[in-house]
Every structure is written in structure tokens, then in C-alpha cells.
Amino acid sequence: MSRVAFVTGGTRGIGRAISARLKAAGYRVAAGYAGNEVAAQACADELGVLVVKGNVSSFADCASAVARAERELGPIDVLVNNAGITRDAVLHRMTETQWNDVIHVNLASIFNMCRNVIEGMRERNYGRIINISSINGQKGQVGQANYSAAKAGMIGFTKALAQENAKKGITVNAIAPGYIDTEMVAAVPKTVLDQIVSGIPVGRLGMADEIARCVAFLAAEDAGFITGATLTVNGGQYITG
């Protein structure tokens, strides 16, 4: 029987590419979404995946989403924490709401989702958890103290959870994408985007499927000796040791 994967924020952008890649690899896929019904329906129709609505910043919603996915598809073997938002502002103009919204959706959500799958993974002695961080969680970014903090926190969470569960056959890894050609990046003013691209050594934005292929690699049974790692996928824009 094929394994089951749950992808948060899985109906648009990078998340949709991940859902598509995992579905093509033979996984039974549940794609989470917050509210865009049109995108969710298109994802369900075109990819043949289960779409599950919920707010990842709510522990109760995550519990309900996991329960539904497991009821309809089976126990979750692979969890991809991809859901995220931006609420950009320099700190001296940032509101408490802008801070809290990003921390809750981008960081608290991975506790909410992982807590609801980890016991089952431990009981079955198998699991793959992949957290989608960001280049800006590694290097920081002006106007993104909230986003950079959340994405950096994901990396620390990844390292701790990997150590807790290594002996249970569960790997926990992070991927830190650079600037990817998605709707979010397309909304950046052209002059700013041109400046960003000029700073990427390979000379272009990344593609969503390039991130999805990395997820598929880390999700595979063959990747069992890789855990606690952060895979940087940024075209050489920020090179870590």
C-alpha cells in the first residue's frame, strides 16, 4: 500500500508543486488549505488529491485535519509543513497583529501539525517530517523580523525534533528555499525583483518544482540516514557552511 503524505498550504505555489510531485511518486496526498476554495477545488480536480480546509495556527483545526486525512487515506507517513504568510514591515512600524499572525501561522503551526502526527509515527517506527523554512530564516531580511524569526525557529525545531525521534525511524529535515517564482514573489515590484535576481549567482528565480523534488528526495525511504539537516536551495544567493 502506498504511503500517505500531508502537505500544509498544499494547494497553491510551492505547496501545490509538492502535492503534485508526491502524488506522481505514488503517495496518497492530503493538501491543506486555509480559504481559497477555487485553488483548492482546482488542486483536487487536476491532481486527484484530498483537500482539507483548516487554519494551521489552530491546534484544534490541525487535529481535525489530521483525523480527516487519516480517516480517508490512512495513517500519515510524511508531513510537509509548508503553509506560511508574510506581513512585512520594519520593526519600528510593525504591529502586534503583524508579528503574531506570522509567528502563529509560520511557526506555531509546525508544533500543531507535528504534535498531531508524531505519536502515530513513533508507534509505527516510521515517519518523514519536512519543514519548509526560507533563505531569510538563515540570513535575515529587512522588513521581515517576524518572518525571519519564524523561519529560523523552524530550523531549530527541526534539529530538536530530529534528535528526539531518530531511534524511532523518523527523520526530520528542513528545506530553505531562496526566491522562487510564485504568486508571492510575483507581487514584488519589478525594480525590487530585478535587484533580487541580480544577486542570485545562477541568474534566475527558482521554480516551485525544484523545491518539490527536494521534498520528494527527503520523503523517500532511501533518505533514512539524513535527519536534522537543512537543505539550502537558493541558486547560490546565500551559501552556508
Protein backbone atom coordinates (compact mmCIF):
# COMPACT_ATOMS: atom_id res chain seq x y z
CA MET A 1 0.00 0.00 0.00
CA SER A 2 1.32 3.47 -0.89
CA ARG A 3 2.33 5.84 1.87
CA VAL A 4 0.27 8.87 2.91
CA ALA A 5 1.57 12.44 2.80
CA PHE A 6 0.00 15.61 4.23
CA VAL A 7 1.16 18.95 2.78
CA THR A 8 0.08 22.11 4.58
CA GLY A 9 -0.55 25.04 2.25
CA GLY A 10 -0.63 22.34 -0.39
CA THR A 11 -2.98 23.78 -2.99
CA ARG A 12 -1.01 26.79 -4.26
CA GLY A 13 2.54 27.79 -5.16
CA ILE A 14 5.34 25.66 -3.75
CA GLY A 15 2.82 23.58 -1.80
CA ARG A 16 0.89 22.62 -4.89
CA ALA A 17 4.11 21.63 -6.65
CA ILE A 18 4.96 19.43 -3.65
CA SER A 19 1.50 17.85 -3.69
CA ALA A 20 1.82 17.16 -7.41
CA ARG A 21 5.32 15.69 -7.11
CA LEU A 22 4.37 13.39 -4.22
CA LYS A 23 1.18 12.28 -5.95
CA ALA A 24 3.19 11.45 -9.08
CA ALA A 25 5.61 9.45 -6.91
CA GLY A 26 2.76 7.25 -5.72
CA TYR A 27 1.82 8.81 -2.39
CA ARG A 28 -1.76 9.28 -1.30
CA VAL A 29 -1.78 13.02 -0.70
CA ALA A 30 -3.82 15.34 1.50
CA ALA A 31 -3.32 19.03 0.67
CA GLY A 32 -4.23 21.51 3.37
CA TYR A 33 -5.56 25.00 2.63
CA ALA A 34 -6.86 27.97 4.59
CA GLY A 35 -9.56 29.55 2.48
CA ASN A 36 -9.00 29.80 -1.28
CA GLU A 37 -11.79 27.48 -2.41
CA VAL A 38 -11.14 27.98 -6.13
CA ALA A 39 -7.49 26.94 -5.86
CA ALA A 40 -8.40 24.03 -3.59
CA GLN A 41 -11.02 22.69 -5.98
CA ALA A 42 -8.66 23.02 -8.93
CA CYS A 43 -5.99 21.14 -6.99
CA ALA A 44 -8.42 18.35 -6.12
CA ASP A 45 -9.73 18.09 -9.69
CA GLU A 46 -6.40 18.34 -11.51
CA LEU A 47 -4.15 16.37 -9.16
CA GLY A 48 -6.61 13.93 -7.67
CA VAL A 49 -5.60 14.71 -4.09
CA LEU A 50 -7.71 15.12 -0.97
CA VAL A 51 -8.03 18.79 0.00
CA VAL A 52 -8.56 19.61 3.66
CA LYS A 53 -9.58 23.05 4.90
CA GLY A 54 -8.27 24.41 8.19
CA ASN A 55 -6.31 27.13 9.95
CA VAL A 56 -2.83 25.79 10.76
CA SER A 57 -2.45 28.31 13.58
CA SER A 58 -5.29 26.48 15.39
CA PHE A 59 -4.35 23.28 17.22
CA ALA A 60 -7.96 22.09 17.02
CA ASP A 61 -8.11 22.66 13.26
CA CYS A 62 -4.86 20.73 12.79
CA ALA A 63 -6.15 17.85 14.88
CA SER A 64 -9.33 17.78 12.81
CA ALA A 65 -7.41 17.94 9.52
CA VAL A 66 -5.10 15.09 10.52
CA ALA A 67 -8.06 13.00 11.69
CA ARG A 68 -9.87 13.52 8.40
CA ALA A 69 -6.81 12.71 6.29
CA GLU A 70 -6.12 9.55 8.26
CA ARG A 71 -9.77 8.51 8.13
CA GLU A 72 -9.90 8.87 4.34
CA LEU A 73 -6.34 7.97 3.30
CA GLY A 74 -4.72 6.10 6.19
CA PRO A 75 -2.01 6.94 8.78
CA ILE A 76 0.19 9.88 7.81
CA ASP A 77 3.73 8.78 6.99
CA VAL A 78 5.03 12.06 5.54
CA LEU A 79 4.26 15.54 6.85
CA VAL A 80 5.36 18.61 4.90
CA ASN A 81 4.95 21.84 6.87
CA ASN A 82 4.77 24.34 4.03
CA ALA A 83 2.00 26.80 4.99
CA GLY A 84 3.19 30.35 5.50
CA ILE A 85 2.31 34.02 5.21
CA THR A 86 4.11 37.36 5.15
CA ARG A 87 3.13 40.57 6.94
CA ASP A 88 6.15 42.72 6.13
CA ALA A 89 7.11 45.89 7.99
CA VAL A 90 10.25 47.25 9.61
CA LEU A 91 10.11 46.54 13.33
CA HIS A 92 9.59 50.14 14.42
CA ARG A 93 6.38 50.17 12.36
CA MET A 94 5.31 46.55 12.85
CA THR A 95 2.06 45.96 14.72
CA GLU A 96 1.49 43.29 17.32
CA THR A 97 -1.00 41.69 14.94
CA GLN A 98 1.56 41.53 12.12
CA TRP A 99 4.02 39.87 14.46
CA ASN A 100 1.56 37.40 15.96
CA ASP A 101 -0.06 36.40 12.66
CA VAL A 102 3.27 35.39 11.12
CA ILE A 103 4.57 33.61 14.23
CA HIS A 104 1.33 31.68 14.66
CA VAL A 105 0.92 30.61 11.02
CA ASN A 106 4.57 30.02 10.14
CA LEU A 107 5.99 28.67 13.41
CA ALA A 108 3.29 27.61 15.88
CA SER A 109 1.69 25.64 13.04
CA ILE A 110 4.55 23.16 12.89
CA PHE A 111 4.00 22.29 16.55
CA ASN A 112 0.28 21.98 15.87
CA MET A 113 0.78 19.60 12.95
CA CYS A 114 3.73 17.62 14.29
CA ARG A 115 2.10 17.07 17.67
CA ASN A 116 -0.90 15.50 15.94
CA VAL A 117 1.14 13.02 13.88
CA ILE A 118 4.23 12.26 15.96
CA GLU A 119 2.71 9.67 18.30
CA GLY A 120 1.40 7.63 15.38
CA MET A 121 4.75 7.81 13.62
CA ARG A 122 6.52 6.67 16.78
CA GLU A 123 4.12 3.76 17.21
CA ARG A 124 4.77 2.64 13.62
CA ASN A 125 8.53 3.31 13.83
CA TYR A 126 8.46 5.33 10.64
CA GLY A 127 7.97 8.92 9.56
CA ARG A 128 9.26 11.75 7.43
CA ILE A 129 8.76 15.37 8.54
CA ILE A 130 9.93 18.13 6.20
CA ASN A 131 9.72 21.77 7.24
CA ILE A 132 9.83 24.47 4.57
CA SER A 133 11.91 27.29 6.02
CA SER A 134 13.46 30.13 3.98
CA ILE A 135 16.70 31.79 2.98
CA ASN A 136 15.52 34.69 5.14
CA GLY A 137 15.41 32.42 8.16
CA GLN A 138 19.12 31.86 7.60
CA LYS A 139 20.35 35.34 6.76
CA GLY A 140 17.55 37.66 7.89
CA GLN A 141 15.84 40.32 5.76
CA VAL A 142 14.93 43.96 6.21
CA GLY A 143 11.23 44.33 6.91
CA GLN A 144 10.84 40.69 7.89
CA ALA A 145 11.79 40.39 11.56
CA ASN A 146 8.61 38.37 12.10
CA TYR A 147 9.08 36.11 9.06
CA SER A 148 12.83 35.65 9.61
CA ALA A 149 12.26 34.77 13.27
CA ALA A 150 9.60 32.22 12.40
CA LYS A 151 11.64 30.60 9.64
CA ALA A 152 14.78 30.49 11.81
CA GLY A 153 12.69 28.95 14.57
CA MET A 154 11.63 26.20 12.19
CA ILE A 155 15.28 25.22 11.74
CA GLY A 156 15.85 24.98 15.49
CA PHE A 157 12.65 22.98 15.90
CA THR A 158 13.80 20.64 13.12
CA LYS A 159 17.12 19.92 14.85
CA ALA A 160 15.50 19.21 18.21
CA LEU A 161 12.71 17.00 16.85
CA ALA A 162 15.18 15.07 14.72
CA GLN A 163 17.20 14.13 17.82
CA GLU A 164 14.11 13.15 19.80
CA ASN A 165 12.87 10.72 17.16
CA ALA A 166 15.92 9.37 15.33
CA LYS A 167 15.75 5.98 17.04
CA LYS A 168 12.10 5.63 16.03
CA GLY A 169 12.76 5.62 12.29
CA ILE A 170 11.53 9.19 11.93
CA THR A 171 13.60 11.76 10.06
CA VAL A 172 13.03 15.49 10.43
CA ASN A 173 14.62 17.88 7.95
CA ALA A 174 14.21 21.44 6.71
CA ILE A 175 14.44 22.99 3.27
CA ALA A 176 15.35 26.66 2.98
CA PRO A 177 14.26 27.94 -0.44
CA GLY A 178 15.59 31.14 -1.90
CA TYR A 179 13.41 33.31 -4.12
CA ILE A 180 11.01 31.09 -6.05
CA ASP A 181 8.78 32.05 -8.97
CA THR A 182 5.44 32.03 -7.14
CA GLU A 183 2.49 34.42 -6.78
CA MET A 184 4.04 35.82 -3.60
CA VAL A 185 7.29 36.73 -5.35
CA ALA A 186 5.46 37.94 -8.47
CA ALA A 187 3.77 40.58 -6.30
CA VAL A 188 7.13 42.21 -5.57
CA PRO A 189 7.66 45.43 -7.59
CA LYS A 190 9.67 44.78 -10.76
CA THR A 191 12.52 47.08 -9.79
CA VAL A 192 12.92 45.26 -6.49
CA LEU A 193 12.60 41.85 -8.14
CA ASP A 194 15.25 42.74 -10.73
CA GLN A 195 17.59 43.70 -7.90
CA ILE A 196 16.91 40.38 -6.14
CA VAL A 197 17.58 38.35 -9.28
CA SER A 198 20.81 40.25 -9.90
CA GLY A 199 22.04 38.94 -6.55
CA ILE A 200 21.38 35.28 -7.40
CA PRO A 201 24.53 33.72 -8.90
CA VAL A 202 22.60 31.37 -11.20
CA GLY A 203 20.83 34.44 -12.61
CA ARG A 204 17.19 33.46 -12.18
CA LEU A 205 14.42 32.71 -9.73
CA GLY A 206 13.94 29.14 -8.61
CA MET A 207 10.99 27.07 -9.77
CA ALA A 208 8.46 25.55 -7.39
CA ASP A 209 9.11 22.06 -8.71
CA GLU A 210 12.79 22.40 -7.81
CA ILE A 211 11.70 22.61 -4.18
CA ALA A 212 9.20 19.80 -4.68
CA ARG A 213 11.92 17.49 -5.99
CA CYS A 214 13.94 18.11 -2.83
CA VAL A 215 10.90 17.26 -0.72
CA ALA A 216 10.36 14.02 -2.65
CA PHE A 217 14.01 13.08 -2.04
CA LEU A 218 13.81 13.68 1.72
CA ALA A 219 10.42 11.94 1.92
CA ALA A 220 11.72 8.73 0.35
CA GLU A 221 12.58 5.67 2.37
CA ASP A 222 16.09 5.86 0.87
CA ALA A 223 16.73 9.11 2.77
CA GLY A 224 16.64 7.41 6.16
CA PHE A 225 20.19 8.44 7.16
CA ILE A 226 19.50 12.16 6.66
CA THR A 227 17.96 13.89 9.67
CA GLY A 228 18.30 17.25 11.41
CA ALA A 229 19.61 18.76 8.18
CA THR A 230 18.73 21.99 6.41
CA LEU A 231 18.93 21.81 2.62
CA THR A 232 19.55 25.24 1.10
CA VAL A 233 18.01 25.69 -2.37
CA ASN A 234 18.71 29.28 -3.35
CA GLY A 235 20.81 29.39 -6.52
CA GLY A 236 23.93 30.31 -4.55
CA GLN A 237 22.43 33.53 -3.16
CA TYR A 238 23.35 32.56 0.40
CA ILE A 239 25.90 29.80 0.95
CA THR A 240 26.11 28.17 4.36
CA GLY A 241 28.95 26.15 5.83
